[in-house]
Structure formats: structure tokens, C-alpha cells
N, C-alpha and C. Protein backbone atom coordinates (compact mmCIF):
# COMPACT_ATOMS: atom_id res chain seq x y z
N MET A 1 -5.40 9.01 -7.91
CA MET A 1 -5.80 8.65 -6.57
C MET A 1 -6.55 7.39 -6.32
N ALA A 2 -6.30 6.63 -5.34
CA ALA A 2 -6.64 5.44 -5.00
C ALA A 2 -8.27 5.61 -4.60
N THR A 3 -8.98 4.62 -5.29
CA THR A 3 -10.49 4.82 -4.93
C THR A 3 -10.83 3.88 -3.82
N PRO A 4 -11.27 4.67 -2.70
CA PRO A 4 -11.54 3.82 -1.35
C PRO A 4 -12.30 2.81 -1.42
N SER A 5 -13.35 2.83 -2.38
CA SER A 5 -14.37 1.67 -2.50
C SER A 5 -13.59 0.37 -3.25
N GLU A 6 -12.56 0.68 -3.68
CA GLU A 6 -11.96 -0.82 -4.45
C GLU A 6 -10.72 -1.03 -3.47
N ARG A 7 -10.63 -0.86 -2.22
CA ARG A 7 -9.98 -1.29 -1.15
C ARG A 7 -9.75 -2.69 -1.21
N LEU A 8 -8.80 -3.53 -1.47
CA LEU A 8 -8.70 -4.87 -1.37
C LEU A 8 -8.85 -5.51 0.18
N SER A 9 -9.86 -6.48 0.32
CA SER A 9 -10.06 -6.99 1.79
C SER A 9 -8.73 -7.59 2.16
N GLU A 10 -7.82 -8.01 1.42
CA GLU A 10 -6.70 -8.72 1.83
C GLU A 10 -5.74 -7.80 2.42
N ASN A 11 -5.93 -6.47 2.33
CA ASN A 11 -4.90 -5.44 3.24
C ASN A 11 -5.20 -5.88 4.60
N VAL A 12 -4.20 -5.69 5.32
CA VAL A 12 -4.32 -5.72 6.99
C VAL A 12 -4.80 -4.24 7.24
N PRO A 13 -5.50 -4.08 8.35
CA PRO A 13 -6.09 -3.04 8.62
C PRO A 13 -5.42 -2.00 8.96
N GLY A 14 -5.87 -0.69 8.67
CA GLY A 14 -4.87 0.37 9.04
C GLY A 14 -5.09 1.47 7.73
N PRO A 15 -4.32 2.76 8.17
CA PRO A 15 -4.44 3.73 7.22
C PRO A 15 -4.02 3.61 5.56
N PHE A 16 -2.78 2.64 5.38
CA PHE A 16 -2.51 2.38 4.02
C PHE A 16 -3.21 1.09 3.66
N TYR A 17 -3.65 1.20 2.13
CA TYR A 17 -4.18 0.06 1.28
C TYR A 17 -3.94 0.36 -0.05
N VAL A 18 -4.18 -1.01 -0.53
CA VAL A 18 -3.98 -1.19 -2.11
C VAL A 18 -5.33 -1.35 -2.61
N THR A 19 -5.65 -1.14 -3.78
CA THR A 19 -6.97 -1.02 -4.23
C THR A 19 -7.21 -2.13 -5.35
N SER A 20 -8.01 -2.52 -5.88
CA SER A 20 -7.86 -3.52 -7.07
C SER A 20 -7.62 -2.81 -8.55
N GLU A 21 -7.13 -1.62 -8.35
CA GLU A 21 -6.75 -0.91 -9.43
C GLU A 21 -5.27 -1.50 -9.78
N CYS A 22 -4.72 -2.10 -8.90
CA CYS A 22 -3.17 -2.44 -8.85
C CYS A 22 -2.76 -3.25 -10.18
N ILE A 23 -1.83 -3.00 -10.81
CA ILE A 23 -1.40 -3.52 -11.94
C ILE A 23 -0.25 -4.79 -11.76
N ASP A 24 0.23 -4.78 -10.41
CA ASP A 24 1.00 -5.79 -9.99
C ASP A 24 2.52 -5.37 -10.59
N CYS A 25 2.81 -4.32 -10.56
CA CYS A 25 4.13 -3.76 -11.39
C CYS A 25 5.34 -4.04 -10.49
N ASP A 26 5.07 -4.18 -9.00
CA ASP A 26 6.25 -4.29 -8.25
C ASP A 26 6.79 -3.15 -7.61
N LEU A 27 6.62 -1.84 -7.76
CA LEU A 27 7.34 -0.78 -7.66
C LEU A 27 7.18 -0.56 -6.05
N CYS A 28 5.76 -0.75 -5.68
CA CYS A 28 5.81 -0.49 -4.07
C CYS A 28 6.34 -1.35 -3.32
N ARG A 29 6.49 -2.82 -3.82
CA ARG A 29 7.36 -3.93 -3.09
C ARG A 29 8.84 -3.68 -3.27
N GLU A 30 9.41 -2.97 -4.16
CA GLU A 30 10.82 -2.62 -4.31
C GLU A 30 11.16 -1.63 -3.06
N ALA A 31 10.29 -0.50 -3.08
CA ALA A 31 10.24 0.75 -2.45
C ALA A 31 10.09 0.26 -0.90
N ALA A 32 9.35 -0.57 -0.54
CA ALA A 32 8.86 -0.81 0.88
C ALA A 32 8.53 -2.17 0.93
N PRO A 33 9.34 -3.30 0.89
CA PRO A 33 8.93 -4.78 0.84
C PRO A 33 8.54 -5.16 2.25
N GLU A 34 9.23 -4.22 3.38
CA GLU A 34 8.22 -4.70 4.73
C GLU A 34 6.91 -4.19 4.79
N ILE A 35 6.29 -3.25 4.00
CA ILE A 35 4.97 -2.74 3.76
C ILE A 35 4.00 -3.36 3.16
N TYR A 36 4.41 -3.55 1.67
CA TYR A 36 3.80 -4.22 0.62
C TYR A 36 4.34 -5.62 0.32
N ARG A 37 3.40 -6.72 0.04
CA ARG A 37 3.74 -7.92 -0.40
C ARG A 37 2.74 -8.28 -1.40
N ARG A 38 3.09 -9.26 -2.36
CA ARG A 38 2.16 -9.68 -3.32
C ARG A 38 1.41 -10.85 -2.72
N ASN A 39 -0.11 -10.76 -3.24
CA ASN A 39 -0.73 -11.75 -2.85
C ASN A 39 -0.99 -12.65 -4.04
N ASP A 40 -0.32 -13.88 -4.02
CA ASP A 40 -0.58 -14.70 -5.23
C ASP A 40 -1.93 -15.03 -5.22
N ASP A 41 -2.90 -15.20 -4.42
CA ASP A 41 -4.11 -15.76 -4.76
C ASP A 41 -4.86 -14.69 -5.76
N ILE A 42 -4.66 -13.60 -5.33
CA ILE A 42 -5.31 -12.65 -6.03
C ILE A 42 -4.69 -11.64 -7.32
N GLY A 43 -3.42 -11.74 -7.35
CA GLY A 43 -2.35 -11.57 -8.22
C GLY A 43 -2.21 -9.90 -8.20
N TYR A 44 -2.36 -9.27 -6.95
CA TYR A 44 -2.01 -7.80 -6.70
C TYR A 44 -1.09 -7.74 -5.46
N SER A 45 -0.54 -6.63 -5.51
CA SER A 45 0.16 -6.26 -4.18
C SER A 45 -1.07 -6.13 -3.11
N VAL A 46 -0.67 -6.12 -1.90
CA VAL A 46 -1.35 -5.44 -0.56
C VAL A 46 -0.32 -5.25 0.43
N VAL A 47 -1.16 -4.53 1.49
CA VAL A 47 -0.33 -4.08 2.64
C VAL A 47 -0.42 -5.26 3.67
N HIS A 48 0.62 -5.70 3.79
CA HIS A 48 0.82 -6.70 4.84
C HIS A 48 1.24 -6.30 6.20
N HIS A 49 1.80 -5.32 6.32
CA HIS A 49 2.31 -4.73 7.64
C HIS A 49 1.97 -3.04 7.36
N GLN A 50 1.31 -2.68 8.61
CA GLN A 50 1.06 -1.20 8.63
C GLN A 50 2.31 -0.45 9.32
N PRO A 51 2.70 0.54 8.75
CA PRO A 51 3.98 1.46 9.36
C PRO A 51 3.58 1.50 10.81
N ALA A 52 4.86 1.29 12.00
CA ALA A 52 4.73 1.61 13.15
C ALA A 52 5.53 2.62 13.58
N ALA A 53 6.38 2.96 12.52
CA ALA A 53 7.18 4.05 13.15
C ALA A 53 7.59 5.26 11.66
N PRO A 54 7.90 6.36 12.21
CA PRO A 54 8.13 7.20 11.01
C PRO A 54 8.63 6.65 9.96
N GLU A 55 10.00 5.99 10.30
CA GLU A 55 10.86 5.60 9.15
C GLU A 55 9.94 4.61 8.08
N GLU A 56 9.27 3.55 8.67
CA GLU A 56 8.33 2.94 7.88
C GLU A 56 7.34 3.54 7.16
N GLU A 57 6.59 4.53 7.69
CA GLU A 57 5.84 5.39 7.10
C GLU A 57 6.33 6.12 5.94
N ALA A 58 7.72 6.48 6.05
CA ALA A 58 8.21 7.22 5.03
C ALA A 58 8.36 6.26 3.90
N ARG A 59 8.74 5.15 3.92
CA ARG A 59 8.93 3.87 2.93
C ARG A 59 7.59 3.68 2.54
N ALA A 60 6.43 3.57 3.29
CA ALA A 60 5.11 3.27 2.56
C ALA A 60 4.89 4.42 1.95
N VAL A 61 5.12 5.74 2.23
CA VAL A 61 4.64 6.67 1.19
C VAL A 61 5.66 6.72 0.02
N GLU A 62 6.89 6.19 -0.10
CA GLU A 62 7.52 6.00 -1.26
C GLU A 62 6.80 5.18 -2.11
N GLY A 63 6.38 4.08 -1.44
CA GLY A 63 5.93 3.04 -2.18
C GLY A 63 4.40 3.51 -3.16
N MET A 64 3.86 4.39 -2.25
CA MET A 64 2.67 4.74 -2.69
C MET A 64 2.94 5.62 -3.74
N GLU A 65 3.65 6.58 -3.73
CA GLU A 65 4.04 7.43 -4.71
C GLU A 65 4.60 6.81 -5.92
N ALA A 66 5.28 5.87 -6.04
CA ALA A 66 5.81 5.25 -6.86
C ALA A 66 4.83 4.40 -7.95
N CYS A 67 3.61 4.20 -7.17
CA CYS A 67 2.64 3.51 -8.12
C CYS A 67 2.25 4.38 -9.01
N PRO A 68 2.41 3.60 -10.21
CA PRO A 68 2.05 4.52 -11.63
C PRO A 68 0.32 4.42 -12.17
N VAL A 69 -0.02 3.79 -11.24
CA VAL A 69 -1.75 3.95 -11.42
C VAL A 69 -2.53 4.45 -10.36
N GLU A 70 -1.63 4.77 -9.29
CA GLU A 70 -2.15 5.41 -8.19
C GLU A 70 -3.27 4.42 -7.35
N ALA A 71 -2.79 3.17 -7.46
CA ALA A 71 -3.76 2.12 -6.48
C ALA A 71 -3.67 1.96 -5.19
N ILE A 72 -2.54 2.99 -4.57
CA ILE A 72 -2.32 2.73 -3.11
C ILE A 72 -2.97 4.12 -2.53
N GLY A 73 -3.75 3.70 -1.42
CA GLY A 73 -4.20 5.15 -0.88
C GLY A 73 -3.82 5.01 0.74
N ARG A 74 -4.18 6.17 1.34
CA ARG A 74 -3.84 6.39 2.80
C ARG A 74 -4.85 7.15 3.45
N GLU A 75 -5.26 6.68 4.29
CA GLU A 75 -6.37 7.44 5.18
C GLU A 75 -5.96 8.35 5.89
N PRO A 76 -6.37 9.68 6.35
CA PRO A 76 -5.57 10.74 7.20
C PRO A 76 -5.03 10.39 8.42
N THR A 77 -5.29 9.43 9.28
CA THR A 77 -4.81 9.18 10.43
C THR A 77 -3.48 8.25 10.03
N SER A 78 -2.25 8.74 10.78
CA SER A 78 -1.07 7.88 10.31
C SER A 78 -0.04 8.41 11.54
N VAL A 79 0.94 7.64 11.50
CA VAL A 79 1.96 7.67 12.57
C VAL A 79 2.57 9.21 12.79
N ILE A 80 2.98 9.87 11.56
CA ILE A 80 3.31 11.29 11.47
C ILE A 80 2.52 12.16 11.39
N ASP A 81 1.08 12.16 11.16
CA ASP A 81 0.47 13.25 10.87
C ASP A 81 -0.11 13.90 12.03
């Protein structure tokens, strides 16, 4: 489970976020490249686009679930909740 206090400031505001627990494995970016992007300055993935439709949210969740270290979190409010 992602630790909210470790949320990276480089994430765009919104329910999905990546924490400093990220190991830069690329799995989230493979699952949802429109949502997750590598930030070369910090060496981690970040959320660069929050889902705006149920299809995007499904891919964001897929990327979150693919994370082997659970460094991606989601606040309770979202498009399809």
C-alpha cells in the first residue's frame, strides 16, 4: 500500500499519485503511458495526467496494480467511484 506521506510533489493534483517508494520499474508506464511518465529529474514515475474518463481510470488502476512495490496510491474520490 502506498504511503500517502511519501507522495511525490511532481505528481499532478488528483486522486492518483506515485510515492518515493517507486523503484522505476516501468510497469505502470507500460500499462498506462497516458497517465504515468518517468520524471528524469528525480528518477521515478509520476502521475502526469489524472484520468478523466472511466477507460482512463481503468488503465490507471491497471498501472497501480502492476506496481511490485505498491508505490502508487489512489485517494477515495475518482471518476467511477
